[in-house]
Amino acid sequence: MDAVPESHAGWTFLTNHARVLAVVADDHHVRIRDIAARCRLTERAVQKIITDLERDGYLSRTREGRGNVYRIDPSKVLRHPAEAGLTVASLLSLLVRAEADHSPSGRSPSGRSCPGSSSGRSPSAH
């Protein structure tokens, strides 16, 4: 796993919900502890965010062996009125494109190709 940046005091542009969703989009088999590490959150906070996303239909999870497999609904519309009409897929494509642009190899921190890179993988549901 890549080094996690130091914590940040003050406001940020992205919500923790968006960060968690982006990590899940990158790896649908990701563990809660790994989401927490990448997002600089506690595991309990990640569990609450996943519950929020599930309750509102943005994310679903199924048990597979000892882990979970997450599925994102890319057609769900973002919640804030200012983003009326924008979908989860459009948000994730922006986030993943920005991540790929900052990675020298065009790969995500997990080592998987980022959507928007030459692999053609999209941030849609898996």
Protein backbone atom coordinates (compact mmCIF):
# COMPACT_ATOMS: atom_id res chain seq x y z
CA MET A 1 0.00 0.00 0.00
CA ASP A 2 1.30 3.47 -0.84
CA ALA A 3 2.27 5.92 1.88
CA VAL A 4 -0.68 7.82 3.29
CA PRO A 5 -0.25 11.62 3.37
CA GLU A 6 -0.21 13.39 6.71
CA SER A 7 -3.52 14.54 8.13
CA HIS A 8 -4.80 17.94 7.10
CA ALA A 9 -6.33 20.60 9.31
CA GLY A 10 -8.99 22.89 7.87
CA TRP A 11 -11.49 22.50 5.09
CA THR A 12 -11.13 20.43 1.93
CA PHE A 13 -12.88 20.32 -1.43
CA LEU A 14 -14.14 16.75 -1.25
CA THR A 15 -16.37 15.15 1.35
CA ASN A 16 -15.39 11.95 3.09
CA HIS A 17 -18.33 10.28 1.32
CA ALA A 18 -16.83 11.18 -2.08
CA ARG A 19 -13.42 9.91 -1.01
CA VAL A 20 -14.83 6.58 0.18
CA LEU A 21 -16.84 6.19 -3.03
CA ALA A 22 -13.73 6.86 -5.12
CA VAL A 23 -11.73 4.21 -3.24
CA VAL A 24 -14.52 1.67 -3.68
CA ALA A 25 -14.73 2.53 -7.40
CA ASP A 26 -11.03 1.74 -7.65
CA ASP A 27 -11.35 -1.64 -5.93
CA HIS A 28 -14.73 -3.31 -5.38
CA HIS A 29 -13.17 -5.85 -3.01
CA VAL A 30 -11.38 -3.29 -0.81
CA ARG A 31 -11.39 -3.83 2.94
CA ILE A 32 -12.75 -1.22 5.33
CA ARG A 33 -9.34 -0.88 6.99
CA ASP A 34 -7.77 -0.08 3.61
CA ILE A 35 -10.47 2.49 2.81
CA ALA A 36 -9.84 4.07 6.21
CA ALA A 37 -6.09 4.24 5.60
CA ARG A 38 -6.42 5.75 2.12
CA CYS A 39 -9.04 8.29 3.23
CA ARG A 40 -7.33 9.12 6.55
CA LEU A 41 -10.48 8.12 8.46
CA THR A 42 -11.25 5.71 11.27
CA GLU A 43 -12.71 2.34 10.37
CA ARG A 44 -15.85 3.30 12.31
CA ALA A 45 -16.25 6.47 10.21
CA VAL A 46 -15.89 4.42 7.02
CA GLN A 47 -18.52 1.95 8.25
CA LYS A 48 -20.93 4.83 8.87
CA ILE A 49 -20.26 6.34 5.43
CA ILE A 50 -20.81 2.98 3.72
CA THR A 51 -24.08 2.63 5.64
CA ASP A 52 -25.12 6.13 4.46
CA LEU A 53 -24.24 5.32 0.85
CA GLU A 54 -26.09 2.00 1.02
CA ARG A 55 -29.19 3.50 2.64
CA ASP A 56 -29.50 6.08 -0.14
CA GLY A 57 -28.83 3.59 -2.95
CA TYR A 58 -25.42 4.79 -4.09
CA LEU A 59 -23.68 1.61 -3.01
CA SER A 60 -24.60 -1.99 -2.28
CA ARG A 61 -22.51 -4.74 -0.79
CA THR A 62 -22.67 -8.48 -0.81
CA ARG A 63 -20.73 -10.92 1.29
CA GLU A 64 -18.20 -13.00 -0.62
CA GLY A 65 -16.28 -15.40 1.57
CA ARG A 66 -14.84 -13.41 4.44
CA GLY A 67 -15.01 -10.08 2.62
CA ASN A 68 -17.46 -7.75 0.93
CA VAL A 69 -17.93 -6.93 -2.72
CA TYR A 70 -19.24 -3.43 -3.36
CA ARG A 71 -21.32 -2.30 -6.28
CA ILE A 72 -21.80 1.38 -7.14
CA ASP A 73 -24.88 2.65 -8.94
CA PRO A 74 -23.29 5.00 -11.49
CA SER A 75 -26.64 6.41 -12.58
CA LYS A 76 -27.55 7.83 -9.16
CA VAL A 77 -27.81 11.62 -9.20
CA LEU A 78 -25.72 13.64 -6.75
CA ARG A 79 -27.62 14.91 -3.71
CA HIS A 80 -26.93 18.65 -3.62
CA PRO A 81 -29.26 20.89 -5.68
CA ALA A 82 -26.25 22.67 -7.18
CA GLU A 83 -25.24 19.37 -8.82
CA ALA A 84 -28.72 18.61 -10.13
CA GLY A 85 -28.45 16.20 -13.04
CA LEU A 86 -24.84 15.15 -12.37
CA THR A 87 -24.39 11.44 -11.75
CA VAL A 88 -22.06 9.40 -9.61
CA ALA A 89 -20.37 8.24 -12.82
CA SER A 90 -19.53 11.82 -13.79
CA LEU A 91 -18.12 12.55 -10.32
CA LEU A 92 -16.01 9.41 -10.30
CA SER A 93 -14.70 10.01 -13.81
CA LEU A 94 -13.44 13.43 -12.70
CA LEU A 95 -11.84 12.08 -9.54
CA VAL A 96 -10.20 9.15 -11.23
CA ARG A 97 -8.98 11.23 -14.17
CA ALA A 98 -7.34 13.66 -11.73
CA GLU A 99 -5.74 10.76 -9.84
CA ALA A 100 -4.37 9.25 -13.06
CA ASP A 101 -2.99 12.63 -14.13
CA HIS A 102 -0.99 12.81 -10.89
CA SER A 103 0.33 9.27 -11.13
CA PRO A 104 3.49 8.82 -13.22
CA SER A 105 2.33 5.40 -14.41
CA GLY A 106 -1.34 6.28 -14.97
CA ARG A 107 -2.19 3.74 -12.29
CA SER A 108 -4.16 4.19 -9.11
CA PRO A 109 -2.59 3.82 -5.64
CA SER A 110 -3.83 0.20 -5.51
CA GLY A 111 -1.83 -0.56 -8.63
CA ARG A 112 -4.91 -0.94 -10.80
CA SER A 113 -5.31 1.09 -13.94
CA CYS A 114 -7.32 4.20 -13.30
CA PRO A 115 -10.48 4.79 -15.31
CA GLY A 116 -9.62 7.29 -17.96
CA SER A 117 -6.15 5.82 -18.46
CA SER A 118 -5.26 3.83 -21.53
CA SER A 119 -6.75 0.66 -20.04
CA GLY A 120 -10.24 1.87 -20.84
CA ARG A 121 -11.60 0.77 -17.46
CA SER A 122 -14.59 2.91 -16.49
CA PRO A 123 -15.69 4.02 -13.00
CA SER A 124 -19.10 2.44 -13.49
CA ALA A 125 -20.55 -0.32 -11.37
CA HIS A 126 -18.87 -3.71 -11.27
